[in-house]
């Protein structure tokens, strides 16, 4: 009395197994919910592409970057629709095929918004697997490089301006220096190439306009 029959034990084991599966599924659903919140609220653009190269998911950040309002505007479309045509071969033959072999691809690309604007991006493509280890999606993490590219261009422009200003000021200063030759004290001048006496010097041109004297040797 009080003992379970073999049949009861099998039923109980089956129930325990189902409860364990339910608990695990609940845990997985909770983790999936947490992950989804992270993706949805991330400022990083994220998208999933199915194995037929169709868009399966885009987070709000990626939709905003591309200028779309609703996920339905991009769902099911070929992911190449959001890139200039000259990149399509690269996307299919280089990136997609490489990722499908299990490689991760990282590099700079150019996306195209709904208005046709070109957006410089840095993207990472990686293959995602299901619980059985079968390929399921290609994930794409997108970083908008517009601000950085503009900052690089602005920096290059400032460097050119500074170089021109430095040369202009250097030549003007050199000419002014020689114009006051009668008022200069005796001594030597120093620059990056040579040491020269300042007395009895009547030249008024900047050294950059003529041959440079380096360590007593003339270079053309």
N, C-alpha and C. Protein backbone atom coordinates (compact mmCIF):
# COMPACT_ATOMS: atom_id res chain seq x y z
N UNK A 1 0.85 -1.20 0.00
CA UNK A 1 0.00 0.00 0.00
C UNK A 1 0.87 1.23 0.00
N UNK A 2 0.40 2.31 -0.62
CA UNK A 2 1.18 3.55 -0.65
C UNK A 2 2.22 3.58 -1.73
N UNK A 3 2.45 2.49 -2.43
CA UNK A 3 3.44 2.46 -3.48
C UNK A 3 2.78 2.68 -4.83
N UNK A 4 3.51 3.36 -5.71
CA UNK A 4 3.00 3.62 -7.05
C UNK A 4 3.23 2.42 -7.94
N UNK A 5 2.25 2.17 -8.77
CA UNK A 5 2.40 1.09 -9.73
C UNK A 5 3.35 1.54 -10.83
N UNK A 6 3.80 0.61 -11.64
CA UNK A 6 4.68 0.95 -12.76
C UNK A 6 4.00 1.92 -13.70
N UNK A 7 2.72 1.71 -13.91
CA UNK A 7 1.97 2.59 -14.81
C UNK A 7 1.90 4.00 -14.23
N UNK A 8 1.65 4.09 -12.88
CA UNK A 8 1.58 5.40 -12.24
C UNK A 8 2.93 6.11 -12.32
N UNK A 9 4.02 5.35 -12.13
CA UNK A 9 5.35 5.93 -12.20
C UNK A 9 5.62 6.51 -13.59
N UNK A 10 5.20 5.79 -14.63
CA UNK A 10 5.41 6.28 -15.99
C UNK A 10 4.62 7.56 -16.25
N UNK A 11 3.35 7.56 -15.72
CA UNK A 11 2.54 8.77 -15.87
C UNK A 11 3.18 9.95 -15.16
N UNK A 12 3.68 9.70 -13.94
CA UNK A 12 4.30 10.77 -13.15
C UNK A 12 5.58 11.29 -13.82
N UNK A 13 6.37 10.37 -14.36
CA UNK A 13 7.59 10.78 -15.06
C UNK A 13 7.25 11.63 -16.27
N UNK A 14 6.17 11.22 -16.96
CA UNK A 14 5.75 12.00 -18.12
C UNK A 14 5.32 13.40 -17.74
N UNK A 15 4.56 13.48 -16.61
CA UNK A 15 4.12 14.80 -16.15
C UNK A 15 5.30 15.66 -15.72
N UNK A 16 6.26 15.05 -15.04
CA UNK A 16 7.45 15.80 -14.60
C UNK A 16 8.24 16.32 -15.80
N UNK A 17 8.31 15.47 -16.82
CA UNK A 17 9.02 15.90 -18.03
C UNK A 17 8.33 17.08 -18.69
N UNK A 18 7.00 17.02 -18.74
CA UNK A 18 6.26 18.12 -19.35
C UNK A 18 6.39 19.40 -18.54
N UNK A 19 6.37 19.24 -17.20
CA UNK A 19 6.53 20.41 -16.33
C UNK A 19 7.92 21.03 -16.54
N UNK A 20 8.93 20.18 -16.64
CA UNK A 20 10.30 20.67 -16.85
C UNK A 20 10.41 21.42 -18.17
N UNK A 21 9.75 20.85 -19.21
CA UNK A 21 9.77 21.51 -20.52
C UNK A 21 9.06 22.85 -20.44
N UNK A 22 7.92 22.88 -19.73
CA UNK A 22 7.16 24.12 -19.59
C UNK A 22 7.98 25.18 -18.87
N UNK A 23 8.68 24.75 -17.79
CA UNK A 23 9.53 25.69 -17.03
C UNK A 23 10.64 26.22 -17.91
N UNK A 24 11.26 25.32 -18.68
CA UNK A 24 12.36 25.73 -19.57
C UNK A 24 11.85 26.68 -20.65
N UNK A 25 10.68 26.34 -21.20
CA UNK A 25 10.11 27.22 -22.23
C UNK A 25 9.77 28.59 -21.67
N UNK A 26 9.26 28.60 -20.42
CA UNK A 26 8.96 29.88 -19.77
C UNK A 26 10.23 30.69 -19.58
N UNK A 27 11.30 30.01 -19.16
CA UNK A 27 12.58 30.70 -18.98
C UNK A 27 13.09 31.24 -20.31
N UNK A 28 12.97 30.43 -21.35
CA UNK A 28 13.42 30.87 -22.67
C UNK A 28 12.60 32.05 -23.17
N UNK A 29 11.27 32.00 -22.91
CA UNK A 29 10.42 33.11 -23.31
C UNK A 29 10.78 34.38 -22.56
N UNK A 30 11.08 34.24 -21.27
CA UNK A 30 11.49 35.40 -20.49
C UNK A 30 12.79 35.98 -21.01
N UNK A 31 13.76 35.09 -21.31
CA UNK A 31 15.04 35.56 -21.85
C UNK A 31 14.85 36.20 -23.21
N UNK A 32 13.97 35.60 -24.02
CA UNK A 32 13.70 36.17 -25.34
C UNK A 32 13.06 37.55 -25.20
N UNK A 33 12.18 37.70 -24.20
CA UNK A 33 11.52 38.98 -23.99
C UNK A 33 12.54 40.04 -23.57
N UNK A 34 13.47 39.66 -22.70
CA UNK A 34 14.52 40.59 -22.26
C UNK A 34 15.39 40.99 -23.44
N UNK A 35 15.79 39.99 -24.25
CA UNK A 35 16.62 40.27 -25.41
C UNK A 35 15.90 41.16 -26.40
N UNK A 36 14.62 40.91 -26.59
CA UNK A 36 13.84 41.73 -27.53
C UNK A 36 13.77 43.18 -27.06
N UNK A 37 13.59 43.38 -25.75
CA UNK A 37 13.58 44.75 -25.23
C UNK A 37 14.90 45.44 -25.51
N UNK A 38 15.99 44.71 -25.31
CA UNK A 38 17.32 45.28 -25.56
C UNK A 38 17.45 45.70 -27.02
N UNK A 39 17.03 44.83 -27.93
CA UNK A 39 17.13 45.11 -29.36
C UNK A 39 16.23 46.27 -29.74
N UNK A 40 15.00 46.28 -29.21
CA UNK A 40 14.03 47.30 -29.58
C UNK A 40 14.47 48.69 -29.14
N UNK A 41 15.09 48.79 -27.97
CA UNK A 41 15.46 50.09 -27.43
C UNK A 41 16.90 50.49 -27.74
N UNK A 42 17.63 49.63 -28.43
CA UNK A 42 19.03 49.93 -28.76
C UNK A 42 19.11 51.04 -29.80
N UNK A 43 20.12 51.91 -29.67
CA UNK A 43 20.35 52.94 -30.68
C UNK A 43 21.13 52.39 -31.86
N UNK A 44 21.58 51.15 -31.74
CA UNK A 44 22.29 50.47 -32.82
C UNK A 44 21.29 49.82 -33.76
N UNK A 45 21.48 50.04 -35.06
CA UNK A 45 20.61 49.41 -36.03
C UNK A 45 20.82 47.91 -36.07
N UNK A 46 19.75 47.13 -36.03
CA UNK A 46 19.83 45.67 -36.06
C UNK A 46 18.75 45.11 -36.97
N UNK A 47 19.12 44.10 -37.75
CA UNK A 47 18.16 43.46 -38.62
C UNK A 47 18.46 41.99 -38.79
N UNK A 48 17.42 41.19 -39.08
CA UNK A 48 17.56 39.77 -39.38
C UNK A 48 17.15 39.53 -40.83
N UNK A 49 17.94 38.73 -41.51
CA UNK A 49 17.66 38.36 -42.89
C UNK A 49 17.48 36.85 -42.93
N UNK A 50 16.44 36.36 -43.60
CA UNK A 50 16.27 34.91 -43.66
C UNK A 50 17.23 34.32 -44.70
N UNK A 51 17.18 32.99 -44.85
CA UNK A 51 18.14 32.33 -45.73
C UNK A 51 17.85 32.56 -47.19
N UNK A 52 16.72 33.19 -47.49
CA UNK A 52 16.40 33.58 -48.87
C UNK A 52 16.74 35.04 -49.13
N UNK A 53 17.51 35.62 -48.20
CA UNK A 53 17.96 37.02 -48.32
C UNK A 53 16.82 38.01 -48.22
N UNK A 54 15.74 37.63 -47.51
CA UNK A 54 14.60 38.52 -47.30
C UNK A 54 14.64 39.07 -45.88
N UNK A 55 14.20 40.31 -45.73
CA UNK A 55 14.20 40.95 -44.41
C UNK A 55 13.14 40.29 -43.53
N UNK A 56 13.58 39.78 -42.38
CA UNK A 56 12.66 39.15 -41.43
C UNK A 56 12.38 40.04 -40.22
N UNK A 57 13.29 40.97 -39.95
CA UNK A 57 13.09 41.85 -38.77
C UNK A 57 14.03 43.05 -38.88
N UNK A 58 13.53 44.20 -38.47
CA UNK A 58 14.37 45.39 -38.30
C UNK A 58 13.96 46.09 -37.01
N UNK A 59 14.92 46.52 -36.23
CA UNK A 59 14.56 47.24 -35.00
C UNK A 59 14.27 48.71 -35.33
N UNK A 60 13.67 49.45 -34.40
CA UNK A 60 13.30 50.85 -34.67
C UNK A 60 14.48 51.72 -35.11
N UNK A 61 15.67 51.47 -34.55
CA UNK A 61 16.84 52.29 -34.92
C UNK A 61 17.18 52.14 -36.39
N UNK A 62 17.11 50.92 -36.91
CA UNK A 62 17.42 50.70 -38.32
C UNK A 62 16.32 51.27 -39.22
N UNK A 63 15.07 51.12 -38.81
CA UNK A 63 13.97 51.72 -39.57
C UNK A 63 14.14 53.24 -39.67
N UNK A 64 14.50 53.86 -38.55
CA UNK A 64 14.69 55.32 -38.54
C UNK A 64 15.85 55.72 -39.44
N UNK A 65 16.94 54.95 -39.39
CA UNK A 65 18.09 55.26 -40.23
C UNK A 65 17.73 55.23 -41.71
N UNK A 66 16.88 54.27 -42.08
CA UNK A 66 16.49 54.12 -43.48
C UNK A 66 15.33 55.02 -43.87
N UNK A 67 14.70 55.67 -42.89
CA UNK A 67 13.63 56.61 -43.18
C UNK A 67 12.26 55.98 -43.31
N UNK A 68 12.07 54.76 -42.81
CA UNK A 68 10.77 54.09 -42.88
C UNK A 68 10.04 54.25 -41.56
N UNK A 69 8.69 54.17 -41.63
CA UNK A 69 7.87 54.34 -40.44
C UNK A 69 7.44 53.02 -39.81
N UNK A 70 7.13 52.02 -40.64
CA UNK A 70 6.57 50.77 -40.14
C UNK A 70 7.42 49.58 -40.58
N UNK A 71 7.54 48.56 -39.71
CA UNK A 71 8.27 47.35 -40.10
C UNK A 71 7.71 46.69 -41.36
N UNK A 72 6.38 46.85 -41.57
CA UNK A 72 5.77 46.23 -42.75
C UNK A 72 6.29 46.83 -44.05
N UNK A 73 6.88 48.03 -43.96
CA UNK A 73 7.42 48.67 -45.17
C UNK A 73 8.66 47.95 -45.69
N UNK A 74 9.33 47.20 -44.82
CA UNK A 74 10.57 46.54 -45.24
C UNK A 74 10.49 45.01 -45.13
N UNK A 75 9.52 44.51 -44.37
CA UNK A 75 9.42 43.07 -44.14
C UNK A 75 9.20 42.31 -45.45
N UNK A 76 9.99 41.26 -45.65
CA UNK A 76 9.85 40.41 -46.82
C UNK A 76 10.56 40.89 -48.06
N UNK A 77 11.13 42.09 -48.00
CA UNK A 77 11.86 42.61 -49.16
C UNK A 77 13.29 42.08 -49.17
N UNK A 78 13.89 42.03 -50.35
CA UNK A 78 15.29 41.64 -50.45
C UNK A 78 16.15 42.66 -49.71
N UNK A 79 17.11 42.18 -48.96
CA UNK A 79 17.92 43.11 -48.18
C UNK A 79 18.78 44.01 -49.08
N UNK A 80 18.98 43.59 -50.33
CA UNK A 80 19.76 44.43 -51.25
C UNK A 80 18.99 45.67 -51.68
N UNK A 81 17.67 45.71 -51.44
CA UNK A 81 16.88 46.89 -51.80
C UNK A 81 17.36 48.14 -51.07
N UNK A 82 18.07 47.96 -49.99
CA UNK A 82 18.47 49.08 -49.15
C UNK A 82 19.93 49.46 -49.34
N UNK A 83 20.49 49.03 -50.48
CA UNK A 83 21.87 49.35 -50.84
C UNK A 83 21.92 49.80 -52.30
N UNK A 84 22.89 50.63 -52.67
CA UNK A 84 23.04 51.01 -54.08
C UNK A 84 23.29 49.77 -54.95
N UNK A 85 22.88 49.86 -56.18
CA UNK A 85 22.94 48.70 -57.07
C UNK A 85 24.36 48.18 -57.27
N UNK A 86 25.35 49.08 -57.26
CA UNK A 86 26.71 48.63 -57.51
C UNK A 86 27.27 47.75 -56.38
N UNK A 87 26.56 47.70 -55.24
CA UNK A 87 27.00 46.85 -54.13
C UNK A 87 26.30 45.48 -54.11
N UNK A 88 25.35 45.25 -54.99
CA UNK A 88 24.55 44.03 -54.92
C UNK A 88 25.40 42.77 -55.09
N UNK A 89 26.33 42.79 -56.03
CA UNK A 89 27.20 41.62 -56.21
C UNK A 89 28.03 41.36 -54.97
N UNK A 90 28.54 42.42 -54.36
CA UNK A 90 29.32 42.26 -53.13
C UNK A 90 28.48 41.66 -52.02
N UNK A 91 27.25 42.12 -51.89
CA UNK A 91 26.36 41.64 -50.84
C UNK A 91 26.02 40.16 -51.03
N UNK A 92 25.75 39.76 -52.25
CA UNK A 92 25.37 38.38 -52.52
C UNK A 92 26.58 37.44 -52.55
N UNK A 93 27.56 37.80 -53.37
CA UNK A 93 28.66 36.87 -53.65
C UNK A 93 29.73 36.86 -52.57
N UNK A 94 29.99 37.99 -51.99
CA UNK A 94 31.06 38.07 -50.99
C UNK A 94 30.52 37.90 -49.57
N UNK A 95 29.59 38.79 -49.19
CA UNK A 95 29.15 38.82 -47.79
C UNK A 95 28.24 37.64 -47.46
N UNK A 96 27.15 37.48 -48.20
CA UNK A 96 26.19 36.43 -47.85
C UNK A 96 26.83 35.04 -47.92
N UNK A 97 27.56 34.75 -48.97
CA UNK A 97 28.16 33.43 -49.12
C UNK A 97 29.22 33.17 -48.05
N UNK A 98 29.97 34.20 -47.71
CA UNK A 98 30.97 34.05 -46.65
C UNK A 98 30.32 33.77 -45.30
N UNK A 99 29.25 34.50 -44.99
CA UNK A 99 28.55 34.31 -43.72
C UNK A 99 27.90 32.94 -43.65
N UNK A 100 27.34 32.47 -44.77
CA UNK A 100 26.71 31.15 -44.80
C UNK A 100 27.72 30.02 -44.58
N UNK A 101 28.99 30.30 -44.79
CA UNK A 101 30.04 29.32 -44.48
C UNK A 101 30.48 29.39 -43.02
N UNK A 102 29.82 30.24 -42.24
CA UNK A 102 30.12 30.33 -40.82
C UNK A 102 31.06 31.44 -40.45
N UNK A 103 31.41 32.30 -41.41
CA UNK A 103 32.32 33.41 -41.12
C UNK A 103 31.53 34.65 -40.71
N UNK A 104 32.19 35.50 -39.95
CA UNK A 104 31.61 36.80 -39.63
C UNK A 104 32.22 37.84 -40.56
N UNK A 105 31.39 38.72 -41.11
CA UNK A 105 31.88 39.76 -42.02
C UNK A 105 31.73 41.12 -41.37
N UNK A 106 32.81 41.91 -41.36
CA UNK A 106 32.79 43.26 -40.82
C UNK A 106 33.40 44.21 -41.85
N UNK A 107 32.77 45.35 -42.04
CA UNK A 107 33.35 46.30 -42.97
C UNK A 107 32.43 47.48 -43.25
N UNK A 108 32.95 48.42 -44.01
CA UNK A 108 32.20 49.61 -44.37
C UNK A 108 31.37 49.37 -45.63
N UNK A 109 30.13 49.85 -45.59
CA UNK A 109 29.22 49.76 -46.73
C UNK A 109 28.49 51.10 -46.86
N UNK A 110 27.61 51.16 -47.84
CA UNK A 110 26.76 52.34 -48.02
C UNK A 110 25.32 51.87 -48.18
N UNK A 111 24.44 52.32 -47.29
CA UNK A 111 23.03 52.01 -47.40
C UNK A 111 22.30 53.14 -48.11
N UNK A 112 21.08 52.85 -48.55
CA UNK A 112 20.27 53.85 -49.25
C UNK A 112 18.92 53.99 -48.55
N UNK A 113 18.58 55.22 -48.19
CA UNK A 113 17.33 55.47 -47.47
C UNK A 113 16.15 55.49 -48.42
N UNK A 114 14.96 55.57 -47.85
CA UNK A 114 13.75 55.59 -48.66
C UNK A 114 13.71 56.83 -49.56
N UNK A 115 14.37 57.92 -49.13
CA UNK A 115 14.42 59.13 -49.96
C UNK A 115 15.54 59.07 -51.00
N UNK A 116 16.34 58.00 -50.96
CA UNK A 116 17.44 57.87 -51.91
C UNK A 116 18.75 58.41 -51.42
N UNK A 117 18.81 58.85 -50.16
CA UNK A 117 20.05 59.36 -49.61
C UNK A 117 21.01 58.20 -49.32
N UNK A 118 22.29 58.43 -49.58
CA UNK A 118 23.31 57.42 -49.30
C UNK A 118 23.86 57.62 -47.89
N UNK A 119 23.95 56.51 -47.16
CA UNK A 119 24.34 56.56 -45.75
C UNK A 119 25.58 55.70 -45.55
N UNK A 120 26.72 56.30 -45.19
CA UNK A 120 27.92 55.50 -44.91
C UNK A 120 27.72 54.71 -43.62
N UNK A 121 28.01 53.42 -43.65
CA UNK A 121 27.79 52.55 -42.49
C UNK A 121 28.98 51.64 -42.25
N UNK A 122 29.07 51.16 -41.03
CA UNK A 122 29.95 50.05 -40.69
C UNK A 122 29.04 48.91 -40.24
N UNK A 123 29.16 47.74 -40.88
CA UNK A 123 28.22 46.67 -40.61
C UNK A 123 28.92 45.36 -40.26
N UNK A 124 28.24 44.59 -39.43
CA UNK A 124 28.72 43.26 -39.03
C UNK A 124 27.62 42.25 -39.33
N UNK A 125 27.94 41.27 -40.17
CA UNK A 125 27.01 40.20 -40.52
C UNK A 125 27.46 38.91 -39.85
N UNK A 126 26.53 38.19 -39.21
CA UNK A 126 26.84 36.93 -38.54
C UNK A 126 25.67 35.97 -38.69
N UNK A 127 25.97 34.69 -38.77
CA UNK A 127 24.94 33.67 -38.95
C UNK A 127 24.38 33.25 -37.59
N UNK A 128 23.05 33.16 -37.51
CA UNK A 128 22.38 32.71 -36.29
C UNK A 128 21.80 31.32 -36.50
N UNK A 129 21.85 30.47 -35.47
CA UNK A 129 21.40 29.08 -35.56
C UNK A 129 20.21 28.85 -34.63
N UNK A 130 19.38 27.85 -34.97
CA UNK A 130 18.29 27.47 -34.09
C UNK A 130 18.79 26.47 -33.05
N UNK A 131 17.88 25.96 -32.21
CA UNK A 131 18.29 25.06 -31.12
C UNK A 131 18.87 23.75 -31.62
N UNK A 132 18.55 23.37 -32.84
CA UNK A 132 19.08 22.12 -33.41
C UNK A 132 20.39 22.32 -34.15
N UNK A 133 20.88 23.58 -34.13
CA UNK A 133 22.14 23.86 -34.79
C UNK A 133 22.04 24.15 -36.27
N UNK A 134 20.83 24.36 -36.76
CA UNK A 134 20.64 24.65 -38.17
C UNK A 134 20.65 26.16 -38.40
N UNK A 135 21.24 26.64 -39.50
CA UNK A 135 21.23 28.08 -39.80
C UNK A 135 19.80 28.58 -39.91
N UNK A 136 19.53 29.74 -39.31
CA UNK A 136 18.17 30.27 -39.30
C UNK A 136 18.11 31.68 -39.90
N UNK A 137 18.98 32.56 -39.43
CA UNK A 137 18.97 33.94 -39.90
C UNK A 137 20.40 34.44 -40.05
N UNK A 138 20.54 35.50 -40.84
CA UNK A 138 21.76 36.30 -40.86
C UNK A 138 21.44 37.61 -40.13
N UNK A 139 22.19 37.88 -39.08
CA UNK A 139 21.99 39.12 -38.34
C UNK A 139 22.92 40.20 -38.89
N UNK A 140 22.41 41.42 -38.95
CA UNK A 140 23.18 42.56 -39.45
C UNK A 140 23.14 43.67 -38.40
N UNK A 141 24.31 44.03 -37.88
CA UNK A 141 24.43 45.14 -36.94
C UNK A 141 24.98 46.34 -37.69
N UNK A 142 24.25 47.45 -37.65
CA UNK A 142 24.55 48.61 -38.50
C UNK A 142 24.91 49.82 -37.64
N UNK A 143 26.06 50.42 -37.92
CA UNK A 143 26.47 51.66 -37.26
C UNK A 143 26.50 52.78 -38.29
N UNK A 144 25.77 53.85 -38.02
CA UNK A 144 25.73 55.02 -38.91
C UNK A 144 27.05 55.78 -38.78
N UNK A 145 27.78 55.92 -39.90
CA UNK A 145 29.09 56.58 -39.90
C UNK A 145 29.02 58.01 -40.44
N UNK A 146 27.81 58.54 -40.64
CA UNK A 146 27.68 59.86 -41.25
C UNK A 146 28.42 60.93 -40.47
N UNK A 147 28.21 61.00 -39.17
CA UNK A 147 28.83 62.04 -38.35
C UNK A 147 30.34 61.90 -38.35
N UNK A 148 30.83 60.67 -38.26
CA UNK A 148 32.27 60.46 -38.24
C UNK A 148 32.91 60.83 -39.58
N UNK A 149 32.26 60.45 -40.69
CA UNK A 149 32.78 60.80 -42.00
C UNK A 149 32.82 62.32 -42.18
N UNK A 150 31.78 63.01 -41.74
CA UNK A 150 31.75 64.47 -41.85
C UNK A 150 32.82 65.10 -40.99
N UNK A 151 33.04 64.54 -39.80
CA UNK A 151 34.09 65.06 -38.92
C UNK A 151 35.47 64.88 -39.56
N UNK A 152 35.69 63.75 -40.23
CA UNK A 152 36.97 63.51 -40.92
C UNK A 152 37.17 64.53 -42.04
N UNK A 153 36.10 64.81 -42.82
CA UNK A 153 36.21 65.79 -43.89
C UNK A 153 36.49 67.19 -43.33
N UNK A 154 35.79 67.54 -42.24
CA UNK A 154 36.02 68.85 -41.62
C UNK A 154 37.45 68.97 -41.12
N UNK A 155 37.98 67.89 -40.53
CA UNK A 155 39.35 67.91 -40.03
C UNK A 155 40.34 68.09 -41.17
N UNK A 156 40.13 67.40 -42.28
CA UNK A 156 41.02 67.54 -43.42
C UNK A 156 41.00 68.97 -43.96
N UNK A 157 39.82 69.58 -44.02
CA UNK A 157 39.71 70.97 -44.48
C UNK A 157 40.46 71.91 -43.55
N UNK A 158 40.32 71.70 -42.23
CA UNK A 158 41.01 72.56 -41.27
C UNK A 158 42.52 72.40 -41.39
N UNK A 159 43.00 71.18 -41.63
CA UNK A 159 44.44 70.95 -41.76
C UNK A 159 44.99 71.66 -42.99
N UNK A 160 44.24 71.61 -44.09
CA UNK A 160 44.68 72.32 -45.30
C UNK A 160 44.73 73.82 -45.04
N UNK A 161 43.72 74.35 -44.37
CA UNK A 161 43.69 75.77 -44.06
C UNK A 161 44.86 76.16 -43.16
N UNK A 162 45.14 75.33 -42.16
CA UNK A 162 46.25 75.63 -41.24
C UNK A 162 47.59 75.57 -41.95
N UNK A 163 47.75 74.58 -42.83
CA UNK A 163 49.01 74.48 -43.58
C UNK A 163 49.21 75.70 -44.47
N UNK A 164 48.14 76.13 -45.16
CA UNK A 164 48.24 77.32 -46.00
C UNK A 164 48.53 78.56 -45.17
N UNK A 165 47.86 78.69 -44.03
CA UNK A 165 48.07 79.83 -43.15
C UNK A 165 49.49 79.85 -42.61
N UNK A 166 49.99 78.67 -42.22
CA UNK A 166 51.35 78.59 -41.69
C UNK A 166 52.37 79.03 -42.73
N UNK A 167 52.20 78.55 -43.97
CA UNK A 167 53.13 78.94 -45.02
C UNK A 167 53.03 80.43 -45.32
N UNK A 168 51.81 80.97 -45.38
CA UNK A 168 51.63 82.39 -45.66
C UNK A 168 52.27 83.24 -44.57
N UNK A 169 51.98 82.89 -43.31
CA UNK A 169 52.54 83.66 -42.20
C UNK A 169 54.05 83.53 -42.16
N UNK A 170 54.58 82.36 -42.48
CA UNK A 170 56.02 82.16 -42.45
C UNK A 170 56.71 83.03 -43.51
N UNK A 171 56.14 83.08 -44.74
CA UNK A 171 56.73 83.89 -45.80
C UNK A 171 56.60 85.37 -45.49
N UNK A 172 55.43 85.79 -44.99
CA UNK A 172 55.25 87.20 -44.65
C UNK A 172 56.21 87.61 -43.54
N UNK A 173 56.35 86.73 -42.54
CA UNK A 173 57.27 87.03 -41.45
C UNK A 173 58.71 87.11 -41.91
N UNK A 174 59.08 86.23 -42.82
CA UNK A 174 60.45 86.22 -43.34
C UNK A 174 60.75 87.51 -44.11
N UNK A 175 59.79 87.93 -44.94
CA UNK A 175 60.00 89.15 -45.71
C UNK A 175 60.06 90.37 -44.80
N UNK A 176 59.21 90.41 -43.77
CA UNK A 176 59.23 91.52 -42.82
C UNK A 176 60.54 91.56 -42.07
N UNK A 177 61.03 90.36 -41.74
CA UNK A 177 62.29 90.24 -41.01
C UNK A 177 63.43 90.86 -41.81
N UNK A 178 63.50 90.57 -43.11
CA UNK A 178 64.57 91.09 -43.95
C UNK A 178 64.37 92.57 -44.26
N UNK A 179 63.13 93.05 -44.27
CA UNK A 179 62.87 94.46 -44.52
C UNK A 179 63.45 95.34 -43.42
N UNK A 180 63.58 94.77 -42.23
CA UNK A 180 64.14 95.52 -41.10
C UNK A 180 65.58 95.14 -40.86
N UNK A 181 66.33 94.84 -41.94
CA UNK A 181 67.71 94.33 -41.80
C UNK A 181 68.61 95.30 -41.05
N UNK A 182 68.41 96.62 -41.27
CA UNK A 182 69.28 97.59 -40.63
C UNK A 182 69.06 97.70 -39.14
N UNK A 183 67.92 97.20 -38.65
CA UNK A 183 67.60 97.32 -37.23
C UNK A 183 67.85 96.04 -36.46
N UNK A 184 68.29 94.96 -37.19
CA UNK A 184 68.44 93.68 -36.51
C UNK A 184 69.70 93.65 -35.68
N UNK A 185 69.71 93.03 -34.51
CA UNK A 185 70.94 92.82 -33.75
C UNK A 185 71.78 91.74 -34.41
N UNK A 186 73.07 91.72 -34.06
CA UNK A 186 73.95 90.68 -34.58
C UNK A 186 73.61 89.35 -33.92
N UNK A 187 73.84 88.27 -34.62
CA UNK A 187 73.57 86.94 -34.05
C UNK A 187 73.32 85.94 -35.14
N UNK A 188 72.52 84.97 -34.86
CA UNK A 188 72.24 83.91 -35.82
C UNK A 188 70.74 83.63 -35.84
N UNK A 189 70.27 83.17 -37.01
CA UNK A 189 68.89 82.72 -37.12
C UNK A 189 68.86 81.21 -37.08
N UNK A 190 67.76 80.67 -36.59
CA UNK A 190 67.62 79.22 -36.48
C UNK A 190 66.33 78.80 -37.15
N UNK A 191 66.41 77.78 -37.97
CA UNK A 191 65.21 77.12 -38.45
C UNK A 191 65.46 75.63 -38.45
N UNK A 192 64.56 74.86 -39.05
CA UNK A 192 64.68 73.40 -38.99
C UNK A 192 65.78 72.85 -39.87
N UNK A 193 66.36 73.72 -40.77
CA UNK A 193 67.33 73.19 -41.72
C UNK A 193 68.75 73.66 -41.48
N UNK A 194 68.93 74.89 -40.96
CA UNK A 194 70.29 75.39 -40.87
C UNK A 194 70.37 76.51 -39.85
N UNK A 195 71.60 76.88 -39.51
CA UNK A 195 71.89 78.03 -38.67
C UNK A 195 72.62 79.03 -39.55
N UNK A 196 72.10 80.27 -39.66
CA UNK A 196 72.67 81.26 -40.55
C UNK A 196 72.93 82.55 -39.78
N UNK A 197 74.02 83.26 -40.10
CA UNK A 197 74.25 84.59 -39.49
C UNK A 197 73.22 85.58 -39.99
N UNK A 198 72.73 86.45 -39.10
CA UNK A 198 71.72 87.43 -39.51
C UNK A 198 72.36 88.71 -40.03
N UNK A 199 73.63 88.90 -39.80
CA UNK A 199 74.30 90.11 -40.29
C UNK A 199 74.61 89.98 -41.77
N UNK A 200 74.56 91.11 -42.49
CA UNK A 200 74.92 91.16 -43.91
C UNK A 200 74.08 90.23 -44.77
N UNK A 201 72.80 90.06 -44.44
CA UNK A 201 71.90 89.22 -45.23
C UNK A 201 70.89 90.12 -45.90
N UNK A 202 70.91 90.15 -47.22
CA UNK A 202 70.04 91.06 -47.94
C UNK A 202 68.89 90.37 -48.66
N UNK A 203 68.79 89.02 -48.57
CA UNK A 203 67.73 88.30 -49.27
C UNK A 203 66.37 88.58 -48.66
N UNK A 204 65.38 88.61 -49.48
CA UNK A 204 64.02 88.87 -48.98
C UNK A 204 63.06 87.75 -49.31
N UNK A 205 63.49 86.72 -50.03
CA UNK A 205 62.61 85.61 -50.37
C UNK A 205 62.63 84.56 -49.29
N UNK A 206 61.51 83.90 -49.15
CA UNK A 206 61.43 82.80 -48.19
C UNK A 206 62.24 81.61 -48.70
N UNK A 207 62.92 80.87 -47.80
CA UNK A 207 63.74 79.74 -48.24
C UNK A 207 62.97 78.72 -49.05
N UNK A 208 61.65 78.60 -48.83
CA UNK A 208 60.88 77.62 -49.59
C UNK A 208 60.83 77.95 -51.07
N UNK A 209 61.13 79.22 -51.43
CA UNK A 209 61.08 79.62 -52.83
C UNK A 209 62.36 79.29 -53.58
N UNK A 210 63.39 78.87 -52.85
CA UNK A 210 64.67 78.55 -53.48
C UNK A 210 65.14 77.19 -52.98
N UNK A 211 66.40 76.90 -53.24
CA UNK A 211 66.96 75.63 -52.81
C UNK A 211 67.11 75.63 -51.30
N UNK A 212 66.96 74.47 -50.71
CA UNK A 212 67.06 74.33 -49.26
C UNK A 212 68.48 73.93 -48.89
N UNK A 213 69.01 74.59 -47.88
CA UNK A 213 70.35 74.27 -47.43
C UNK A 213 70.24 73.40 -46.18
N UNK A 214 70.75 72.17 -46.27
CA UNK A 214 70.68 71.23 -45.15
C UNK A 214 72.08 70.73 -44.84
N UNK A 215 72.55 71.05 -43.66
CA UNK A 215 73.88 70.59 -43.19
C UNK A 215 74.97 70.98 -44.17
N UNK A 216 74.90 72.15 -44.79
CA UNK A 216 75.98 72.60 -45.65
C UNK A 216 75.90 72.07 -47.07
N UNK A 217 74.89 71.24 -47.41
CA UNK A 217 74.74 70.69 -48.74
C UNK A 217 73.49 71.25 -49.38
N UNK A 218 73.55 71.50 -50.67
CA UNK A 218 72.39 72.03 -51.40
C UNK A 218 71.63 70.90 -52.04
N UNK A 219 70.32 70.85 -51.80
CA UNK A 219 69.47 69.83 -52.41
C UNK A 219 68.51 70.52 -53.34
N UNK A 220 68.30 69.89 -54.47
CA UNK A 220 67.38 70.44 -55.47
C UNK A 220 65.96 70.12 -55.08
